[in-house]
Every structure is written in C-alpha cells, then in structure tokens.
C-alpha cells in the first residue's frame, strides 16, 4: 500500500491511498485534493498516517525515550524460537538408484 499524487484535468492534485496486493491498482481512499503545494504536503502526511494506522501489516514504533528498556522488554517477551533445519526445506528427496 502506498500513496500517490494524481494531477487532475483542472490542475488540482489529488492524494490517494492505493493498494496493489491483488495485482490490480485499487483506490482505498482519496485523502483530499488541493492546488496549493503546502496543502498537498499536509495531505501526503495524512495519507502516510492512514497507511501506518490502517489494518494489515503494522509498523513498530522504535522511537521512544528509553530505547534500551523497550528492546529489553521485547527480548524478555519472546516465548520460543524455532529454526527449521535444511531437511524441512526440500522435503523428502527421492532415493535414486546408484549407477555403477
């Protein structure tokens, strides 16, 4: 998901939130439109905020006052880590007859 600036026939710029996860472009939301560049910049910030807070994949906000304490909290809350071995990736390989 991303935002785009789209210039209309009347030279007004629309800011839209676009999704292309299904292979086709789909307008999720039109944030607004303006001919004034500073207003367009505000609309772009609103579009980015909408994308960040919209459902689906969320972002971690790592910009906090005490980063070390925050990272320690994440580390302490990890329950389990599993690392799949190389035998899981290809699955069962067929046994080939030996050539002598």
PDB file of N, CA and C in Angstrom:
ATOM      1  N   UNK A   1       0.847  -1.158   0.000  1.00  0.00           N
ATOM      2  CA  UNK A   1       0.000   0.000   0.000  1.00  0.00           C
ATOM      3  C   UNK A   1       0.901   1.232   0.000  1.00  0.00           C
ATOM      4  N   UNK A   2       0.482   2.207  -0.781  1.00  0.00           N
ATOM      5  CA  UNK A   2       1.261   3.433  -0.876  1.00  0.00           C
ATOM      6  C   UNK A   2       0.329   4.591  -1.231  1.00  0.00           C
ATOM      7  N   UNK A   3       0.837   5.816  -1.178  1.00  0.00           N
ATOM      8  CA  UNK A   3       0.056   6.975  -1.584  1.00  0.00           C
ATOM      9  C   UNK A   3       0.588   7.475  -2.913  1.00  0.00           C
ATOM     10  N   UNK A   4      -0.277   8.166  -3.650  1.00  0.00           N
ATOM     11  CA  UNK A   4       0.168   8.767  -4.903  1.00  0.00           C
ATOM     12  C   UNK A   4      -0.452  10.147  -5.063  1.00  0.00           C
ATOM     13  N   UNK A   5       0.263  10.967  -5.802  1.00  0.00           N
ATOM     14  CA  UNK A   5      -0.240  12.285  -6.200  1.00  0.00           C
ATOM     15  C   UNK A   5      -0.769  12.136  -7.618  1.00  0.00           C
ATOM     16  N   UNK A   6      -1.991  12.536  -7.834  1.00  0.00           N
ATOM     17  CA  UNK A   6      -2.569  12.434  -9.163  1.00  0.00           C
ATOM     18  C   UNK A   6      -3.079  13.805  -9.589  1.00  0.00           C
ATOM     19  N   UNK A   7      -2.526  14.298 -10.692  1.00  0.00           N
ATOM     20  CA  UNK A   7      -2.922  15.615 -11.187  1.00  0.00           C
ATOM     21  C   UNK A   7      -4.202  15.472 -12.011  1.00  0.00           C
ATOM     22  N   UNK A   8      -5.209  16.269 -11.671  1.00  0.00           N
ATOM     23  CA  UNK A   8      -6.494  16.222 -12.366  1.00  0.00           C
ATOM     24  C   UNK A   8      -6.480  17.165 -13.570  1.00  0.00           C
ATOM     25  N   UNK A   9      -7.527  17.122 -14.355  1.00  0.00           N
ATOM     26  CA  UNK A   9      -7.627  17.995 -15.529  1.00  0.00           C
ATOM     27  C   UNK A   9      -7.631  19.467 -15.145  1.00  0.00           C
ATOM     28  N   UNK A  10      -8.129  19.774 -13.961  1.00  0.00           N
ATOM     29  CA  UNK A  10      -8.211  21.164 -13.510  1.00  0.00           C
ATOM     30  C   UNK A  10      -6.938  21.629 -12.809  1.00  0.00           C
ATOM     31  N   UNK A  11      -5.828  20.913 -12.967  1.00  0.00           N
ATOM     32  CA  UNK A  11      -4.532  21.225 -12.362  1.00  0.00           C
ATOM     33  C   UNK A  11      -4.559  21.161 -10.836  1.00  0.00           C
ATOM     34  N   UNK A  12      -5.526  20.455 -10.293  1.00  0.00           N
ATOM     35  CA  UNK A  12      -5.594  20.213  -8.856  1.00  0.00           C
ATOM     36  C   UNK A  12      -4.969  18.845  -8.601  1.00  0.00           C
ATOM     37  N   UNK A  13      -4.205  18.721  -7.533  1.00  0.00           N
ATOM     38  CA  UNK A  13      -3.526  17.464  -7.212  1.00  0.00           C
ATOM     39  C   UNK A  13      -4.341  16.721  -6.160  1.00  0.00           C
ATOM     40  N   UNK A  14      -4.698  15.471  -6.481  1.00  0.00           N
ATOM     41  CA  UNK A  14      -5.390  14.603  -5.524  1.00  0.00           C
ATOM     42  C   UNK A  14      -4.379  13.670  -4.890  1.00  0.00           C
ATOM     43  N   UNK A  15      -4.541  13.400  -3.609  1.00  0.00           N
ATOM     44  CA  UNK A  15      -3.694  12.447  -2.900  1.00  0.00           C
ATOM     45  C   UNK A  15      -4.556  11.235  -2.583  1.00  0.00           C
ATOM     46  N   UNK A  16      -4.122  10.066  -3.072  1.00  0.00           N
ATOM     47  CA  UNK A  16      -4.896   8.843  -2.912  1.00  0.00           C
ATOM     48  C   UNK A  16      -4.042   7.765  -2.268  1.00  0.00           C
ATOM     49  N   UNK A  17      -4.700   6.888  -1.525  1.00  0.00           N
ATOM     50  CA  UNK A  17      -4.035   5.709  -0.974  1.00  0.00           C
ATOM     51  C   UNK A  17      -4.385   4.552  -1.894  1.00  0.00           C
ATOM     52  N   UNK A  18      -3.357   3.866  -2.394  1.00  0.00           N
ATOM     53  CA  UNK A  18      -3.509   2.822  -3.402  1.00  0.00           C
ATOM     54  C   UNK A  18      -3.041   1.484  -2.837  1.00  0.00           C
ATOM     55  N   UNK A  19      -3.760   0.421  -3.220  1.00  0.00           N
ATOM     56  CA  UNK A  19      -3.363  -0.943  -2.853  1.00  0.00           C
ATOM     57  C   UNK A  19      -3.184  -1.737  -4.136  1.00  0.00           C
ATOM     58  N   UNK A  20      -2.111  -2.494  -4.225  1.00  0.00           N
ATOM     59  CA  UNK A  20      -1.864  -3.325  -5.394  1.00  0.00           C
ATOM     60  C   UNK A  20      -1.540  -4.751  -4.971  1.00  0.00           C
ATOM     61  N   UNK A  21      -2.097  -5.189  -3.853  1.00  0.00           N
ATOM     62  CA  UNK A  21      -1.773  -6.520  -3.351  1.00  0.00           C
ATOM     63  C   UNK A  21      -2.386  -7.623  -4.190  1.00  0.00           C
ATOM     64  N   UNK A  22      -3.478  -7.360  -4.892  1.00  0.00           N
ATOM     65  CA  UNK A  22      -4.117  -8.399  -5.704  1.00  0.00           C
ATOM     66  C   UNK A  22      -3.671  -8.333  -7.156  1.00  0.00           C
ATOM     67  N   UNK A  23      -2.698  -7.510  -7.476  1.00  0.00           N
ATOM     68  CA  UNK A  23      -2.197  -7.416  -8.839  1.00  0.00           C
ATOM     69  C   UNK A  23      -2.819  -6.277  -9.622  1.00  0.00           C
ATOM     70  N   UNK A  24      -3.906  -5.712  -9.122  1.00  0.00           N
ATOM     71  CA  UNK A  24      -4.552  -4.589  -9.783  1.00  0.00           C
ATOM     72  C   UNK A  24      -4.516  -3.386  -8.844  1.00  0.00           C
ATOM     73  N   UNK A  25      -4.473  -2.200  -9.424  1.00  0.00           N
ATOM     74  CA  UNK A  25      -4.494  -0.986  -8.627  1.00  0.00           C
ATOM     75  C   UNK A  25      -5.908  -0.759  -8.108  1.00  0.00           C
ATOM     76  N   UNK A  26      -6.019  -0.499  -6.809  1.00  0.00           N
ATOM     77  CA  UNK A  26      -7.312  -0.243  -6.197  1.00  0.00           C
ATOM     78  C   UNK A  26      -7.177   0.976  -5.291  1.00  0.00           C
ATOM     79  N   UNK A  27      -8.019   1.982  -5.497  1.00  0.00           N
ATOM     80  CA  UNK A  27      -8.001   3.176  -4.661  1.00  0.00           C
ATOM     81  C   UNK A  27      -8.701   2.824  -3.353  1.00  0.00           C
ATOM     82  N   UNK A  28      -7.954   2.826  -2.259  1.00  0.00           N
ATOM     83  CA  UNK A  28      -8.514   2.536  -0.939  1.00  0.00           C
ATOM     84  C   UNK A  28      -9.238   3.764  -0.397  1.00  0.00           C
ATOM     85  N   UNK A  29      -8.582   4.919  -0.529  1.00  0.00           N
ATOM     86  CA  UNK A  29      -9.175   6.140   0.000  1.00  0.00           C
ATOM     87  C   UNK A  29      -8.560   7.341  -0.704  1.00  0.00           C
ATOM     88  N   UNK A  30      -9.391   8.316  -1.031  1.00  0.00           N
ATOM     89  CA  UNK A  30      -8.901   9.598  -1.510  1.00  0.00           C
ATOM     90  C   UNK A  30      -8.822  10.511  -0.301  1.00  0.00           C
ATOM     91  N   UNK A  31      -7.618  10.945   0.026  1.00  0.00           N
ATOM     92  CA  UNK A  31      -7.406  11.763   1.213  1.00  0.00           C
ATOM     93  C   UNK A  31      -7.933  13.171   0.992  1.00  0.00           C
ATOM     94  N   UNK A  32      -7.681  13.727  -0.179  1.00  0.00           N
ATOM     95  CA  UNK A  32      -8.147  15.068  -0.487  1.00  0.00           C
ATOM     96  C   UNK A  32      -7.447  15.604  -1.713  1.00  0.00           C
ATOM     97  N   UNK A  33      -7.745  16.851  -2.050  1.00  0.00           N
ATOM     98  CA  UNK A  33      -7.107  17.461  -3.213  1.00  0.00           C
ATOM     99  C   UNK A  33      -6.920  18.948  -2.959  1.00  0.00           C
ATOM    100  N   UNK A  34      -5.912  19.507  -3.611  1.00  0.00           N
ATOM    101  CA  UNK A  34      -5.617  20.926  -3.463  1.00  0.00           C
ATOM    102  C   UNK A  34      -4.712  21.373  -4.596  1.00  0.00           C
ATOM    103  N   UNK A  35      -4.747  22.659  -4.876  1.00  0.00           N
ATOM    104  CA  UNK A  35      -3.851  23.244  -5.866  1.00  0.00           C
ATOM    105  C   UNK A  35      -2.654  23.906  -5.189  1.00  0.00           C
ATOM    106  N   UNK A  36      -2.707  24.027  -3.871  1.00  0.00           N
ATOM    107  CA  UNK A  36      -1.640  24.675  -3.104  1.00  0.00           C
ATOM    108  C   UNK A  36      -0.665  23.597  -2.621  1.00  0.00           C
ATOM    109  N   UNK A  37       0.610  23.803  -2.900  1.00  0.00           N
ATOM    110  CA  UNK A  37       1.617  22.780  -2.609  1.00  0.00           C
ATOM    111  C   UNK A  37       1.734  22.471  -1.125  1.00  0.00           C
ATOM    112  N   UNK A  38       1.625  23.469  -0.270  1.00  0.00           N
ATOM    113  CA  UNK A  38       1.727  23.209   1.174  1.00  0.00           C
ATOM    114  C   UNK A  38       0.545  22.360   1.659  1.00  0.00           C
ATOM    115  N   UNK A  39      -0.627  22.561   1.072  1.00  0.00           N
ATOM    116  CA  UNK A  39      -1.787  21.738   1.412  1.00  0.00           C
ATOM    117  C   UNK A  39      -1.600  20.305   0.917  1.00  0.00           C
ATOM    118  N   UNK A  40      -1.001  20.165  -0.249  1.00  0.00           N
ATOM    119  CA  UNK A  40      -0.729  18.828  -0.793  1.00  0.00           C
ATOM    120  C   UNK A  40       0.240  18.090   0.123  1.00  0.00           C
ATOM    121  N   UNK A  41       1.234  18.795   0.658  1.00  0.00           N
ATOM    122  CA  UNK A  41       2.172  18.176   1.595  1.00  0.00           C
ATOM    123  C   UNK A  41       1.455  17.694   2.854  1.00  0.00           C
ATOM    124  N   UNK A  42       0.498  18.483   3.349  1.00  0.00           N
ATOM    125  CA  UNK A  42      -0.292  18.052   4.510  1.00  0.00           C
ATOM    126  C   UNK A  42      -1.108  16.808   4.180  1.00  0.00           C
ATOM    127  N   UNK A  43      -1.677  16.782   2.982  1.00  0.00           N
ATOM    128  CA  UNK A  43      -2.469  15.620   2.563  1.00  0.00           C
ATOM    129  C   UNK A  43      -1.590  14.374   2.453  1.00  0.00           C
ATOM    130  N   UNK A  44      -0.360  14.549   1.998  1.00  0.00           N
ATOM    131  CA  UNK A  44       0.564  13.420   1.893  1.00  0.00           C
ATOM    132  C   UNK A  44       0.885  12.879   3.283  1.00  0.00           C
ATOM    133  N   UNK A  45       1.106  13.763   4.250  1.00  0.00           N
ATOM    134  CA  UNK A  45       1.354  13.307   5.624  1.00  0.00           C
ATOM    135  C   UNK A  45       0.133  12.574   6.182  1.00  0.00           C
ATOM    136  N   UNK A  46      -1.071  13.071   5.880  1.00  0.00           N
ATOM    137  CA  UNK A  46      -2.289  12.396   6.319  1.00  0.00           C
ATOM    138  C   UNK A  46      -2.410  11.023   5.675  1.00  0.00           C
ATOM    139  N   UNK A  47      -2.037  10.932   4.398  1.00  0.00           N
ATOM    140  CA  UNK A  47      -2.091   9.643   3.700  1.00  0.00           C
ATOM    141  C   UNK A  47      -1.107   8.662   4.318  1.00  0.00           C
ATOM    142  N   UNK A  48       0.103   9.121   4.648  1.00  0.00           N
ATOM    143  CA  UNK A  48       1.085   8.241   5.272  1.00  0.00           C
ATOM    144  C   UNK A  48       0.607   7.786   6.640  1.00  0.00           C
ATOM    145  N   UNK A  49      -0.017   8.676   7.398  1.00  0.00           N
ATOM    146  CA  UNK A  49      -0.569   8.302   8.704  1.00  0.00           C
ATOM    147  C   UNK A  49      -1.681   7.268   8.531  1.00  0.00           C
ATOM    148  N   UNK A  50      -2.529   7.453   7.516  1.00  0.00           N
ATOM    149  CA  UNK A  50      -3.604   6.500   7.246  1.00  0.00           C
ATOM    150  C   UNK A  50      -3.017   5.122   6.935  1.00  0.00           C
ATOM    151  N   UNK A  51      -1.985   5.078   6.109  1.00  0.00           N
ATOM    152  CA  UNK A  51      -1.355   3.798   5.753  1.00  0.00           C
ATOM    153  C   UNK A  51      -0.757   3.143   6.991  1.00  0.00           C
ATOM    154  N   UNK A  52      -0.098   3.932   7.833  1.00  0.00           N
ATOM    155  CA  UNK A  52       0.536   3.388   9.031  1.00  0.00           C
ATOM    156  C   UNK A  52      -0.483   2.847  10.024  1.00  0.00           C
ATOM    157  N   UNK A  53      -1.665   3.446  10.079  1.00  0.00           N
ATOM    158  CA  UNK A  53      -2.655   3.025  11.066  1.00  0.00           C
ATOM    159  C   UNK A  53      -3.737   2.119  10.484  1.00  0.00           C
ATOM    160  N   UNK A  54      -3.751   1.928   9.179  1.00  0.00           N
ATOM    161  CA  UNK A  54      -4.739   1.069   8.529  1.00  0.00           C
ATOM    162  C   UNK A  54      -4.428  -0.385   8.869  1.00  0.00           C
ATOM    163  N   UNK A  55      -5.415  -1.254   8.799  1.00  0.00           N
ATOM    164  CA  UNK A  55      -5.222  -2.675   9.133  1.00  0.00           C
ATOM    165  C   UNK A  55      -4.164  -3.328   8.276  1.00  0.00           C
ATOM    166  N   UNK A  56      -3.926  -4.571   8.529  1.00  0.00           N
ATOM    167  CA  UNK A  56      -2.887  -5.283   7.792  1.00  0.00           C
ATOM    168  C   UNK A  56      -1.570  -5.202   8.521  1.00  0.00           C
ATOM    169  N   UNK A  57      -0.516  -5.082   7.779  1.00  0.00           N
ATOM    170  CA  UNK A  57       0.817  -5.067   8.368  1.00  0.00           C
ATOM    171  C   UNK A  57       1.032  -3.773   9.137  1.00  0.00           C
ATOM    172  N   UNK A  58       1.418  -3.899  10.372  1.00  0.00           N
ATOM    173  CA  UNK A  58       1.647  -2.740  11.219  1.00  0.00           C
ATOM    174  C   UNK A  58       3.144  -2.505  11.379  1.00  0.00           C
ATOM    175  N   UNK A  59       3.501  -1.290  11.763  1.00  0.00           N
ATOM    176  CA  UNK A  59       4.897  -0.946  11.971  1.00  0.00           C
ATOM    177  C   UNK A  59       5.164  -0.807  13.456  1.00  0.00           C
ATOM    178  N   UNK A  60       6.357  -1.204  13.868  1.00  0.00           N
ATOM    179  CA  UNK A  60       6.782  -0.970  15.234  1.00  0.00           C
ATOM    180  C   UNK A  60       7.321   0.448  15.336  1.00  0.00           C
ATOM    181  N   UNK A  61       6.951   1.129  16.389  1.00  0.00           N
ATOM    182  CA  UNK A  61       7.460   2.468  16.626  1.00  0.00           C
ATOM    183  C   UNK A  61       8.619   2.348  17.608  1.00  0.00           C
ATOM    184  N   UNK A  62       9.848   2.318  17.093  1.00  0.00           N
ATOM    185  CA  UNK A  62      11.023   2.139  17.930  1.00  0.00           C
ATOM    186  C   UNK A  62      11.594   3.469  18.414  1.00  0.00           C
ATOM    187  N   UNK A  63      10.942   4.557  18.105  1.00  0.00           N
ATOM    188  CA  UNK A  63      11.443   5.860  18.530  1.00  0.00           C
ATOM    189  C   UNK A  63      10.783   6.200  19.861  1.00  0.00           C
ATOM    190  N   UNK A  64      11.432   5.817  20.922  1.00  0.00           N
ATOM    191  CA  UNK A  64      10.944   6.085  22.268  1.00  0.00           C
ATOM    192  C   UNK A  64      12.044   6.752  23.066  1.00  0.00           C
ATOM    193  N   UNK A  65      11.689   7.228  24.227  1.00  0.00           N
ATOM    194  CA  UNK A  65      12.673   7.907  25.062  1.00  0.00           C
ATOM    195  C   UNK A  65      13.751   6.957  25.562  1.00  0.00           C
ATOM    196  N   UNK A  66      13.366   5.753  25.942  1.00  0.00           N
ATOM    197  CA  UNK A  66      14.318   4.805  26.508  1.00  0.00           C
ATOM    198  C   UNK A  66      14.344   3.553  25.622  1.00  0.00           C
ATOM    199  N   UNK A  67      15.122   3.615  24.541  1.00  0.00           N
ATOM    200  CA  UNK A  67      15.166   2.518  23.577  1.00  0.00           C
ATOM    201  C   UNK A  67      15.672   1.220  24.192  1.00  0.00           C
ATOM    202  N   UNK A  68      16.680   1.287  25.026  1.00  0.00           N
ATOM    203  CA  UNK A  68      17.263   0.078  25.607  1.00  0.00           C
ATOM    204  C   UNK A  68      16.230  -0.684  26.436  1.00  0.00           C
ATOM    205  N   UNK A  69      15.445   0.021  27.208  1.00  0.00           N
ATOM    206  CA  UNK A  69      14.418  -0.629  28.027  1.00  0.00           C
ATOM    207  C   UNK A  69      13.329  -1.250  27.146  1.00  0.00           C
ATOM    208  N   UNK A  70      12.987  -0.568  26.066  1.00  0.00           N
ATOM    209  CA  UNK A  70      11.964  -1.078  25.150  1.00  0.00           C
ATOM    210  C   UNK A  70      12.435  -2.359  24.470  1.00  0.00           C
ATOM    211  N   UNK A  71      13.677  -2.368  23.976  1.00  0.00           N
ATOM    212  CA  UNK A  71      14.219  -3.562  23.338  1.00  0.00           C
ATOM    213  C   UNK A  71      14.347  -4.707  24.341  1.00  0.00           C
ATOM    214  N   UNK A  72      14.719  -4.413  25.561  1.00  0.00           N
ATOM    215  CA  UNK A  72      14.814  -5.433  26.602  1.00  0.00           C
ATOM    216  C   UNK A  72      13.449  -6.044  26.865  1.00  0.00           C
ATOM    217  N   UNK A  73      12.405  -5.234  26.864  1.00  0.00           N
ATOM    218  CA  UNK A  73      11.044  -5.715  27.067  1.00  0.00           C
ATOM    219  C   UNK A  73      10.635  -6.674  25.943  1.00  0.00           C
ATOM    220  N   UNK A  74      10.971  -6.327  24.713  1.00  0.00           N
ATOM    221  CA  UNK A  74      10.657  -7.213  23.581  1.00  0.00           C
ATOM    222  C   UNK A  74      11.421  -8.524  23.729  1.00  0.00           C
ATOM    223  N   UNK A  75      12.708  -8.442  24.061  1.00  0.00           N
ATOM    224  CA  UNK A  75      13.543  -9.628  24.204  1.00  0.00           C
ATOM    225  C   UNK A  75      13.010 -10.557  25.295  1.00  0.00           C
ATOM    226  N   UNK A  76      12.570 -10.002  26.401  1.00  0.00           N
ATOM    227  CA  UNK A  76      12.079 -10.815  27.509  1.00  0.00           C
ATOM    228  C   UNK A  76      10.744 -11.482  27.201  1.00  0.00           C
ATOM    229  N   UNK A  77       9.980 -10.934  26.275  1.00  0.00           N
ATOM    230  CA  UNK A  77       8.675 -11.490  25.954  1.00  0.00           C
ATOM    231  C   UNK A  77       8.699 -12.513  24.814  1.00  0.00           C
ATOM    232  N   UNK A  78       9.870 -12.810  24.290  1.00  0.00           N
ATOM    233  CA  UNK A  78       9.972 -13.852  23.265  1.00  0.00           C
ATOM    234  C   UNK A  78       9.802 -15.204  23.948  1.00  0.00           C
ATOM    235  N   UNK A  79       8.804 -15.952  23.492  1.00  0.00           N
ATOM    236  CA  UNK A  79       8.479 -17.226  24.114  1.00  0.00           C
ATOM    237  C   UNK A  79       9.328 -18.372  23.568  1.00  0.00           C
ATOM    238  N   UNK A  80       9.444 -18.445  22.248  1.00  0.00           N
ATOM    239  CA  UNK A  80      10.099 -19.598  21.648  1.00  0.00           C
ATOM    240  C   UNK A  80      10.656 -19.204  20.285  1.00  0.00           C
ATOM    241  N   UNK A  81      11.787 -19.781  19.935  1.00  0.00           N
ATOM    242  CA  UNK A  81      12.385 -19.565  18.629  1.00  0.00           C
ATOM    243  C   UNK A  81      12.648 -20.930  18.024  1.00  0.00           C
ATOM    244  N   UNK A  82      12.141 -21.140  16.823  1.00  0.00           N
ATOM    245  CA  UNK A  82      12.373 -22.405  16.138  1.00  0.00           C
ATOM    246  C   UNK A  82      13.110 -22.121  14.839  1.00  0.00           C
ATOM    247  N   UNK A  83      14.168 -22.858  14.627  1.00  0.00           N
ATOM    248  CA  UNK A  83      14.918 -22.732  13.387  1.00  0.00           C
ATOM    249  C   UNK A  83      14.757 -24.033  12.605  1.00  0.00           C
ATOM    250  N   UNK A  84      14.048 -23.982  11.480  1.00  0.00           N
ATOM    251  CA  UNK A  84      13.881 -25.211  10.714  1.00  0.00           C
ATOM    252  C   UNK A  84      15.213 -25.649  10.120  1.00  0.00           C
ATOM    253  N   UNK A  85      15.413 -26.938  10.117  1.00  0.00           N
ATOM    254  CA  UNK A  85      16.641 -27.486   9.567  1.00  0.00           C
ATOM    255  C   UNK A  85      16.567 -27.591   8.052  1.00  0.00           C
ATOM    256  N   UNK A  86      17.676 -27.855   7.409  1.00  0.00           N
ATOM    257  CA  UNK A  86      17.673 -27.936   5.947  1.00  0.00           C
ATOM    258  C   UNK A  86      16.835 -29.099   5.430  1.00  0.00           C
ATOM    259  N   UNK A  87      16.566 -30.110   6.270  1.00  0.00           N
ATOM    260  CA  UNK A  87      15.766 -31.240   5.800  1.00  0.00           C
ATOM    261  C   UNK A  87      14.303 -30.866   5.607  1.00  0.00           C
ATOM    262  N   UNK A  88      13.864 -29.791   6.231  1.00  0.00           N
ATOM    263  CA  UNK A  88      12.466 -29.381   6.105  1.00  0.00           C
ATOM    264  C   UNK A  88      12.237 -28.635   4.796  1.00  0.00           C
ATOM    265  N   UNK A  89      13.217 -27.921   4.332  1.00  0.00           N
ATOM    266  CA  UNK A  89      13.039 -27.053   3.171  1.00  0.00           C
ATOM    267  C   UNK A  89      12.759 -27.850   1.892  1.00  0.00           C
ATOM    268  N   UNK A  90      13.592 -28.820   1.481  1.00  0.00           N
ATOM    269  CA  UNK A  90      13.260 -29.518   0.237  1.00  0.00           C
ATOM    270  C   UNK A  90      12.228 -30.627   0.414  1.00  0.00           C
ATOM    271  N   UNK A  91      11.923 -31.001   1.649  1.00  0.00           N
ATOM    272  CA  UNK A  91      11.004 -32.115   1.850  1.00  0.00           C
ATOM    273  C   UNK A  91      11.764 -33.428   1.703  1.00  0.00           C
ATOM    274  N   UNK A  92      11.029 -34.484   1.445  1.00  0.00           N
ATOM    275  CA  UNK A  92      11.674 -35.784   1.276  1.00  0.00           C
ATOM    276  C   UNK A  92      12.202 -35.902  -0.138  1.00  0.00           C
ATOM    277  N   UNK A  93      13.474 -36.215  -0.249  1.00  0.00           N
ATOM    278  CA  UNK A  93      14.094 -36.395  -1.545  1.00  0.00           C
ATOM    279  C   UNK A  93      14.005 -37.855  -1.950  1.00  0.00           C
ATOM    280  N   UNK A  94      13.733 -38.107  -3.226  1.00  0.00           N
ATOM    281  CA  UNK A  94      13.658 -39.500  -3.667  1.00  0.00           C
ATOM    282  C   UNK A  94      15.029 -40.153  -3.644  1.00  0.00           C
ATOM    283  N   UNK A  95      15.057 -41.446  -3.364  1.00  0.00           N
ATOM    284  CA  UNK A  95      16.314 -42.198  -3.369  1.00  0.00           C
ATOM    285  C   UNK A  95      16.554 -42.672  -4.791  1.00  0.00           C
ATOM    286  N   UNK A  96      17.654 -42.229  -5.356  1.00  0.00           N
ATOM    287  CA  UNK A  96      17.974 -42.584  -6.734  1.00  0.00           C
ATOM    288  C   UNK A  96      18.837 -43.837  -6.753  1.00  0.00           C
ATOM    289  N   UNK A  97      18.610 -44.701  -7.735  1.00  0.00           N
ATOM    290  CA  UNK A  97      19.459 -45.893  -7.823  1.00  0.00           C
ATOM    291  C   UNK A  97      20.898 -45.512  -8.169  1.00  0.00           C
ATOM    292  N   UNK A  98      21.814 -46.253  -7.610  1.00  0.00           N
ATOM    293  CA  UNK A  98      23.219 -45.947  -7.884  1.00  0.00           C
ATOM    294  C   UNK A  98      23.609 -46.476  -9.253  1.00  0.00           C
ATOM    295  N   UNK A  99      24.438 -45.735  -9.918  1.00  0.00           N
ATOM    296  CA  UNK A  99      24.927 -46.131 -11.233  1.00  0.00           C
ATOM    297  C   UNK A  99      26.353 -46.637 -11.065  1.00  0.00           C
ATOM    298  N   UNK A 100      26.586 -47.876 -11.478  1.00  0.00           N
ATOM    299  CA  UNK A 100      27.918 -48.423 -11.301  1.00  0.00           C
ATOM    300  C   UNK A 100      28.693 -48.486 -12.583  1.00  0.00           C
TER     301      UNK A 100
END
